[in-house]
Amino acid sequence: MAIYHIVMFKFKALLPPEEVRAACDGMLALGEKCVHPTTKAAYVKTLGGGEDNSPEGRQNGLTHCFISKFENEED
C-alpha cells in the first residue's frame, strides 16, 4: 500500500521571496536526492506541491504544502 506524507509550511510574511523559493526548491529536490543507501535508487515515487491558492481562506496562515508518495512504510 502506498504511503503519502504531507508537509505544510507557514512562512512569515517578512521572509524574502527568494528564501521562500529556495525552501520550496529544496523540498521539490528531495524527490531526486533521497536515494536508498544500498540500491542507490530514488524511493520518493511522486513529489509535488507549492504555494497555497485555496479560495476558501481556511489556511490558518499556512502558505505552502507538499505531498510525497512512497511505495511502502519502510521507504
PDB file of N, CA and C in Angstrom:
ATOM      1  N   MET A   1       0.842  -1.178   0.000  1.00  0.00           N
ATOM      2  CA  MET A   1       0.000   0.000   0.000  1.00  0.00           C
ATOM      3  C   MET A   1       0.887   1.242   0.000  1.00  0.00           C
ATOM      4  N   ALA A   2       0.561   2.198  -0.801  1.00  0.00           N
ATOM      5  CA  ALA A   2       1.319   3.444  -0.891  1.00  0.00           C
ATOM      6  C   ALA A   2       1.169   4.264   0.390  1.00  0.00           C
ATOM      7  N   ILE A   3       2.210   4.999   0.698  1.00  0.00           N
ATOM      8  CA  ILE A   3       2.232   5.886   1.861  1.00  0.00           C
ATOM      9  C   ILE A   3       2.365   7.317   1.349  1.00  0.00           C
ATOM     10  N   TYR A   4       1.535   8.208   1.850  1.00  0.00           N
ATOM     11  CA  TYR A   4       1.593   9.624   1.475  1.00  0.00           C
ATOM     12  C   TYR A   4       2.042  10.428   2.691  1.00  0.00           C
ATOM     13  N   HIS A   5       2.934  11.361   2.444  1.00  0.00           N
ATOM     14  CA  HIS A   5       3.447  12.226   3.508  1.00  0.00           C
ATOM     15  C   HIS A   5       3.165  13.670   3.105  1.00  0.00           C
ATOM     16  N   ILE A   6       2.557  14.419   4.006  1.00  0.00           N
ATOM     17  CA  ILE A   6       2.190  15.803   3.729  1.00  0.00           C
ATOM     18  C   ILE A   6       3.005  16.722   4.635  1.00  0.00           C
ATOM     19  N   VAL A   7       3.617  17.722   4.024  1.00  0.00           N
ATOM     20  CA  VAL A   7       4.393  18.719   4.760  1.00  0.00           C
ATOM     21  C   VAL A   7       3.804  20.088   4.447  1.00  0.00           C
ATOM     22  N   MET A   8       3.442  20.832   5.480  1.00  0.00           N
ATOM     23  CA  MET A   8       2.870  22.163   5.292  1.00  0.00           C
ATOM     24  C   MET A   8       3.771  23.203   5.942  1.00  0.00           C
ATOM     25  N   PHE A   9       3.910  24.333   5.279  1.00  0.00           N
ATOM     26  CA  PHE A   9       4.754  25.408   5.765  1.00  0.00           C
ATOM     27  C   PHE A   9       3.919  26.649   6.047  1.00  0.00           C
ATOM     28  N   LYS A  10       4.378  27.400   7.034  1.00  0.00           N
ATOM     29  CA  LYS A  10       3.785  28.681   7.370  1.00  0.00           C
ATOM     30  C   LYS A  10       4.923  29.695   7.357  1.00  0.00           C
ATOM     31  N   PHE A  11       5.250  30.200   6.168  1.00  0.00           N
ATOM     32  CA  PHE A  11       6.338  31.159   6.039  1.00  0.00           C
ATOM     33  C   PHE A  11       5.882  32.520   6.541  1.00  0.00           C
ATOM     34  N   LYS A  12       6.734  33.181   7.285  1.00  0.00           N
ATOM     35  CA  LYS A  12       6.426  34.517   7.781  1.00  0.00           C
ATOM     36  C   LYS A  12       6.413  35.507   6.616  1.00  0.00           C
ATOM     37  N   ALA A  13       5.540  36.482   6.690  1.00  0.00           N
ATOM     38  CA  ALA A  13       5.384  37.465   5.614  1.00  0.00           C
ATOM     39  C   ALA A  13       6.662  38.274   5.379  1.00  0.00           C
ATOM     40  N   LEU A  14       7.492  38.439   6.391  1.00  0.00           N
ATOM     41  CA  LEU A  14       8.716  39.233   6.253  1.00  0.00           C
ATOM     42  C   LEU A  14       9.857  38.467   5.585  1.00  0.00           C
ATOM     43  N   LEU A  15       9.693  37.165   5.394  1.00  0.00           N
ATOM     44  CA  LEU A  15      10.738  36.362   4.767  1.00  0.00           C
ATOM     45  C   LEU A  15      10.883  36.758   3.299  1.00  0.00           C
ATOM     46  N   PRO A  16      12.100  37.027   2.847  1.00  0.00           N
ATOM     47  CA  PRO A  16      12.285  37.411   1.443  1.00  0.00           C
ATOM     48  C   PRO A  16      11.796  36.315   0.493  1.00  0.00           C
ATOM     49  N   PRO A  17      11.168  36.706  -0.608  1.00  0.00           N
ATOM     50  CA  PRO A  17      10.639  35.720  -1.567  1.00  0.00           C
ATOM     51  C   PRO A  17      11.688  34.730  -2.060  1.00  0.00           C
ATOM     52  N   GLU A  18      12.941  35.164  -2.204  1.00  0.00           N
ATOM     53  CA  GLU A  18      13.972  34.244  -2.686  1.00  0.00           C
ATOM     54  C   GLU A  18      14.275  33.150  -1.667  1.00  0.00           C
ATOM     55  N   GLU A  19      14.098  33.435  -0.362  1.00  0.00           N
ATOM     56  CA  GLU A  19      14.288  32.408   0.656  1.00  0.00           C
ATOM     57  C   GLU A  19      13.140  31.406   0.643  1.00  0.00           C
ATOM     58  N   VAL A  20      11.933  31.893   0.428  1.00  0.00           N
ATOM     59  CA  VAL A  20      10.775  31.009   0.305  1.00  0.00           C
ATOM     60  C   VAL A  20      10.966  30.114  -0.916  1.00  0.00           C
ATOM     61  N   ARG A  21      11.366  30.706  -2.025  1.00  0.00           N
ATOM     62  CA  ARG A  21      11.582  29.949  -3.262  1.00  0.00           C
ATOM     63  C   ARG A  21      12.675  28.894  -3.063  1.00  0.00           C
ATOM     64  N   ALA A  22      13.744  29.244  -2.364  1.00  0.00           N
ATOM     65  CA  ALA A  22      14.833  28.296  -2.114  1.00  0.00           C
ATOM     66  C   ALA A  22      14.354  27.122  -1.258  1.00  0.00           C
ATOM     67  N   ALA A  23      13.534  27.410  -0.256  1.00  0.00           N
ATOM     68  CA  ALA A  23      12.998  26.343   0.588  1.00  0.00           C
ATOM     69  C   ALA A  23      12.089  25.420  -0.218  1.00  0.00           C
ATOM     70  N   CYS A  24      11.258  25.997  -1.068  1.00  0.00           N
ATOM     71  CA  CYS A  24      10.358  25.197  -1.899  1.00  0.00           C
ATOM     72  C   CYS A  24      11.140  24.370  -2.915  1.00  0.00           C
ATOM     73  N   ASP A  25      12.153  24.969  -3.525  1.00  0.00           N
ATOM     74  CA  ASP A  25      13.004  24.233  -4.461  1.00  0.00           C
ATOM     75  C   ASP A  25      13.693  23.073  -3.755  1.00  0.00           C
ATOM     76  N   GLY A  26      14.130  23.308  -2.522  1.00  0.00           N
ATOM     77  CA  GLY A  26      14.760  22.255  -1.743  1.00  0.00           C
ATOM     78  C   GLY A  26      13.809  21.107  -1.452  1.00  0.00           C
ATOM     79  N   MET A  27      12.572  21.433  -1.129  1.00  0.00           N
ATOM     80  CA  MET A  27      11.571  20.379  -0.897  1.00  0.00           C
ATOM     81  C   MET A  27      11.359  19.552  -2.158  1.00  0.00           C
ATOM     82  N   LEU A  28      11.206  20.217  -3.290  1.00  0.00           N
ATOM     83  CA  LEU A  28      10.957  19.508  -4.539  1.00  0.00           C
ATOM     84  C   LEU A  28      12.170  18.704  -4.995  1.00  0.00           C
ATOM     85  N   ALA A  29      13.361  19.116  -4.610  1.00  0.00           N
ATOM     86  CA  ALA A  29      14.584  18.393  -4.988  1.00  0.00           C
ATOM     87  C   ALA A  29      14.736  17.088  -4.214  1.00  0.00           C
ATOM     88  N   LEU A  30      14.022  16.945  -3.098  1.00  0.00           N
ATOM     89  CA  LEU A  30      14.135  15.723  -2.306  1.00  0.00           C
ATOM     90  C   LEU A  30      13.749  14.481  -3.105  1.00  0.00           C
ATOM     91  N   GLY A  31      12.894  14.646  -4.094  1.00  0.00           N
ATOM     92  CA  GLY A  31      12.492  13.507  -4.915  1.00  0.00           C
ATOM     93  C   GLY A  31      13.665  12.860  -5.616  1.00  0.00           C
ATOM     94  N   GLU A  32      14.663  13.638  -5.961  1.00  0.00           N
ATOM     95  CA  GLU A  32      15.855  13.104  -6.626  1.00  0.00           C
ATOM     96  C   GLU A  32      16.994  12.844  -5.635  1.00  0.00           C
ATOM     97  N   LYS A  33      17.026  13.592  -4.554  1.00  0.00           N
ATOM     98  CA  LYS A  33      18.121  13.475  -3.596  1.00  0.00           C
ATOM     99  C   LYS A  33      17.972  12.298  -2.640  1.00  0.00           C
ATOM    100  N   CYS A  34      16.749  11.875  -2.384  1.00  0.00           N
ATOM    101  CA  CYS A  34      16.525  10.775  -1.447  1.00  0.00           C
ATOM    102  C   CYS A  34      16.727   9.452  -2.173  1.00  0.00           C
ATOM    103  N   VAL A  35      17.866   8.837  -1.919  1.00  0.00           N
ATOM    104  CA  VAL A  35      18.174   7.557  -2.569  1.00  0.00           C
ATOM    105  C   VAL A  35      18.448   6.509  -1.497  1.00  0.00           C
ATOM    106  N   HIS A  36      18.077   5.288  -1.811  1.00  0.00           N
ATOM    107  CA  HIS A  36      18.284   4.171  -0.897  1.00  0.00           C
ATOM    108  C   HIS A  36      19.784   3.944  -0.730  1.00  0.00           C
ATOM    109  N   PRO A  37      20.257   3.773   0.501  1.00  0.00           N
ATOM    110  CA  PRO A  37      21.698   3.636   0.721  1.00  0.00           C
ATOM    111  C   PRO A  37      22.324   2.403   0.058  1.00  0.00           C
ATOM    112  N   THR A  38      21.534   1.364  -0.145  1.00  0.00           N
ATOM    113  CA  THR A  38      22.068   0.144  -0.745  1.00  0.00           C
ATOM    114  C   THR A  38      21.870   0.099  -2.254  1.00  0.00           C
ATOM    115  N   THR A  39      20.642   0.340  -2.696  1.00  0.00           N
ATOM    116  CA  THR A  39      20.332   0.224  -4.125  1.00  0.00           C
ATOM    117  C   THR A  39      20.653   1.490  -4.905  1.00  0.00           C
ATOM    118  N   LYS A  40      20.793   2.609  -4.214  1.00  0.00           N
ATOM    119  CA  LYS A  40      21.035   3.923  -4.833  1.00  0.00           C
ATOM    120  C   LYS A  40      19.876   4.368  -5.727  1.00  0.00           C
ATOM    121  N   ALA A  41      18.731   3.747  -5.561  1.00  0.00           N
ATOM    122  CA  ALA A  41      17.542   4.117  -6.335  1.00  0.00           C
ATOM    123  C   ALA A  41      16.724   5.148  -5.554  1.00  0.00           C
ATOM    124  N   ALA A  42      16.145   6.099  -6.271  1.00  0.00           N
ATOM    125  CA  ALA A  42      15.264   7.081  -5.631  1.00  0.00           C
ATOM    126  C   ALA A  42      14.040   6.352  -5.081  1.00  0.00           C
ATOM    127  N   TYR A  43      13.642   6.678  -3.877  1.00  0.00           N
ATOM    128  CA  TYR A  43      12.491   5.994  -3.288  1.00  0.00           C
ATOM    129  C   TYR A  43      11.270   6.886  -3.108  1.00  0.00           C
ATOM    130  N   VAL A  44      11.378   8.157  -3.423  1.00  0.00           N
ATOM    131  CA  VAL A  44      10.197   9.019  -3.428  1.00  0.00           C
ATOM    132  C   VAL A  44       9.550   8.823  -4.793  1.00  0.00           C
ATOM    133  N   LYS A  45       8.368   8.237  -4.804  1.00  0.00           N
ATOM    134  CA  LYS A  45       7.720   7.900  -6.070  1.00  0.00           C
ATOM    135  C   LYS A  45       7.100   9.113  -6.752  1.00  0.00           C
ATOM    136  N   THR A  46       6.498   9.991  -5.979  1.00  0.00           N
ATOM    137  CA  THR A  46       5.879  11.197  -6.502  1.00  0.00           C
ATOM    138  C   THR A  46       6.081  12.306  -5.483  1.00  0.00           C
ATOM    139  N   LEU A  47       6.364  13.514  -5.968  1.00  0.00           N
ATOM    140  CA  LEU A  47       6.529  14.645  -5.070  1.00  0.00           C
ATOM    141  C   LEU A  47       6.059  15.897  -5.792  1.00  0.00           C
ATOM    142  N   GLY A  48       5.194  16.628  -5.145  1.00  0.00           N
ATOM    143  CA  GLY A  48       4.702  17.863  -5.738  1.00  0.00           C
ATOM    144  C   GLY A  48       4.164  18.787  -4.667  1.00  0.00           C
ATOM    145  N   GLY A  49       3.918  20.006  -5.069  1.00  0.00           N
ATOM    146  CA  GLY A  49       3.358  20.968  -4.143  1.00  0.00           C
ATOM    147  C   GLY A  49       3.785  22.373  -4.490  1.00  0.00           C
ATOM    148  N   GLY A  50       3.470  23.288  -3.602  1.00  0.00           N
ATOM    149  CA  GLY A  50       3.829  24.675  -3.824  1.00  0.00           C
ATOM    150  C   GLY A  50       2.963  25.597  -2.998  1.00  0.00           C
ATOM    151  N   GLU A  51       2.816  26.809  -3.487  1.00  0.00           N
ATOM    152  CA  GLU A  51       2.087  27.850  -2.770  1.00  0.00           C
ATOM    153  C   GLU A  51       0.583  27.569  -2.753  1.00  0.00           C
ATOM    154  N   ASP A  52      -0.013  27.844  -1.608  1.00  0.00           N
ATOM    155  CA  ASP A  52      -1.461  27.667  -1.461  1.00  0.00           C
ATOM    156  C   ASP A  52      -2.201  28.666  -2.331  1.00  0.00           C
ATOM    157  N   ASN A  53      -3.274  28.209  -2.963  1.00  0.00           N
ATOM    158  CA  ASN A  53      -4.114  29.119  -3.744  1.00  0.00           C
ATOM    159  C   ASN A  53      -5.601  28.843  -3.501  1.00  0.00           C
ATOM    160  N   SER A  54      -5.901  28.313  -2.319  1.00  0.00           N
ATOM    161  CA  SER A  54      -7.271  27.960  -1.989  1.00  0.00           C
ATOM    162  C   SER A  54      -8.125  29.205  -1.752  1.00  0.00           C
ATOM    163  N   PRO A  55      -9.274  29.294  -2.395  1.00  0.00           N
ATOM    164  CA  PRO A  55     -10.127  30.474  -2.235  1.00  0.00           C
ATOM    165  C   PRO A  55     -10.965  30.476  -0.952  1.00  0.00           C
ATOM    166  N   GLU A  56     -10.997  29.359  -0.213  1.00  0.00           N
ATOM    167  CA  GLU A  56     -11.843  29.287   0.979  1.00  0.00           C
ATOM    168  C   GLU A  56     -11.333  30.133   2.130  1.00  0.00           C
ATOM    169  N   GLY A  57     -10.030  30.422   2.172  1.00  0.00           N
ATOM    170  CA  GLY A  57      -9.472  31.231   3.243  1.00  0.00           C
ATOM    171  C   GLY A  57      -9.352  30.515   4.571  1.00  0.00           C
ATOM    172  N   ARG A  58      -9.240  29.198   4.554  1.00  0.00           N
ATOM    173  CA  ARG A  58      -9.145  28.422   5.801  1.00  0.00           C
ATOM    174  C   ARG A  58      -7.734  27.858   6.020  1.00  0.00           C
ATOM    175  N   GLN A  59      -6.751  28.549   5.544  1.00  0.00           N
ATOM    176  CA  GLN A  59      -5.381  28.060   5.623  1.00  0.00           C
ATOM    177  C   GLN A  59      -4.758  28.243   7.007  1.00  0.00           C
ATOM    178  N   ASN A  60      -5.338  29.075   7.839  1.00  0.00           N
ATOM    179  CA  ASN A  60      -4.793  29.356   9.172  1.00  0.00           C
ATOM    180  C   ASN A  60      -3.325  29.761   9.109  1.00  0.00           C
ATOM    181  N   GLY A  61      -2.971  30.543   8.107  1.00  0.00           N
ATOM    182  CA  GLY A  61      -1.605  31.033   7.981  1.00  0.00           C
ATOM    183  C   GLY A  61      -0.673  30.137   7.192  1.00  0.00           C
ATOM    184  N   LEU A  62      -1.089  28.901   6.900  1.00  0.00           N
ATOM    185  CA  LEU A  62      -0.240  28.006   6.115  1.00  0.00           C
ATOM    186  C   LEU A  62      -0.127  28.555   4.704  1.00  0.00           C
ATOM    187  N   THR A  63       1.074  28.566   4.178  1.00  0.00           N
ATOM    188  CA  THR A  63       1.298  29.197   2.881  1.00  0.00           C
ATOM    189  C   THR A  63       1.659  28.220   1.774  1.00  0.00           C
ATOM    190  N   HIS A  64       2.244  27.074   2.129  1.00  0.00           N
ATOM    191  CA  HIS A  64       2.711  26.117   1.130  1.00  0.00           C
ATOM    192  C   HIS A  64       2.454  24.694   1.625  1.00  0.00           C
ATOM    193  N   CYS A  65       2.252  23.779   0.683  1.00  0.00           N
ATOM    194  CA  CYS A  65       2.013  22.379   1.026  1.00  0.00           C
ATOM    195  C   CYS A  65       2.697  21.492  -0.005  1.00  0.00           C
ATOM    196  N   PHE A  66       3.283  20.397   0.480  1.00  0.00           N
ATOM    197  CA  PHE A  66       3.946  19.434  -0.391  1.00  0.00           C
ATOM    198  C   PHE A  66       3.474  18.036  -0.016  1.00  0.00           C
ATOM    199  N   ILE A  67       3.273  17.205  -1.027  1.00  0.00           N
ATOM    200  CA  ILE A  67       2.827  15.830  -0.808  1.00  0.00           C
ATOM    201  C   ILE A  67       3.811  14.903  -1.506  1.00  0.00           C
ATOM    202  N   SER A  68       4.278  13.913  -0.767  1.00  0.00           N
ATOM    203  CA  SER A  68       5.170  12.918  -1.356  1.00  0.00           C
ATOM    204  C   SER A  68       4.535  11.544  -1.207  1.00  0.00           C
ATOM    205  N   LYS A  69       4.819  10.699  -2.182  1.00  0.00           N
ATOM    206  CA  LYS A  69       4.280   9.352  -2.194  1.00  0.00           C
ATOM    207  C   LYS A  69       5.444   8.368  -2.138  1.00  0.00           C
ATOM    208  N   PHE A  70       5.319   7.387  -1.250  1.00  0.00           N
ATOM    209  CA  PHE A  70       6.318   6.340  -1.106  1.00  0.00           C
ATOM    210  C   PHE A  70       5.650   4.990  -1.372  1.00  0.00           C
ATOM    211  N   GLU A  71       6.434   4.037  -1.829  1.00  0.00           N
ATOM    212  CA  GLU A  71       5.882   2.725  -2.152  1.00  0.00           C
ATOM    213  C   GLU A  71       5.437   1.969  -0.900  1.00  0.00           C
ATOM    214  N   ASN A  72       6.181   2.152   0.184  1.00  0.00           N
ATOM    215  CA  ASN A  72       5.843   1.439   1.419  1.00  0.00           C
ATOM    216  C   ASN A  72       6.346   2.235   2.620  1.00  0.00           C
ATOM    217  N   GLU A  73       5.990   1.785   3.803  1.00  0.00           N
ATOM    218  CA  GLU A  73       6.346   2.489   5.028  1.00  0.00           C
ATOM    219  C   GLU A  73       7.858   2.516   5.253  1.00  0.00           C
ATOM    220  N   GLU A  74       8.544   1.476   4.846  1.00  0.00           N
ATOM    221  CA  GLU A  74      10.000   1.414   5.024  1.00  0.00           C
ATOM    222  C   GLU A  74      10.704   2.541   4.274  1.00  0.00           C
ATOM    223  N   ASP A  75      10.243   2.829   3.060  1.00  0.00           N
ATOM    224  CA  ASP A  75      10.830   3.926   2.273  1.00  0.00           C
ATOM    225  C   ASP A  75      10.637   5.247   2.967  1.00  0.00           C
TER     226      ASP A  75
END
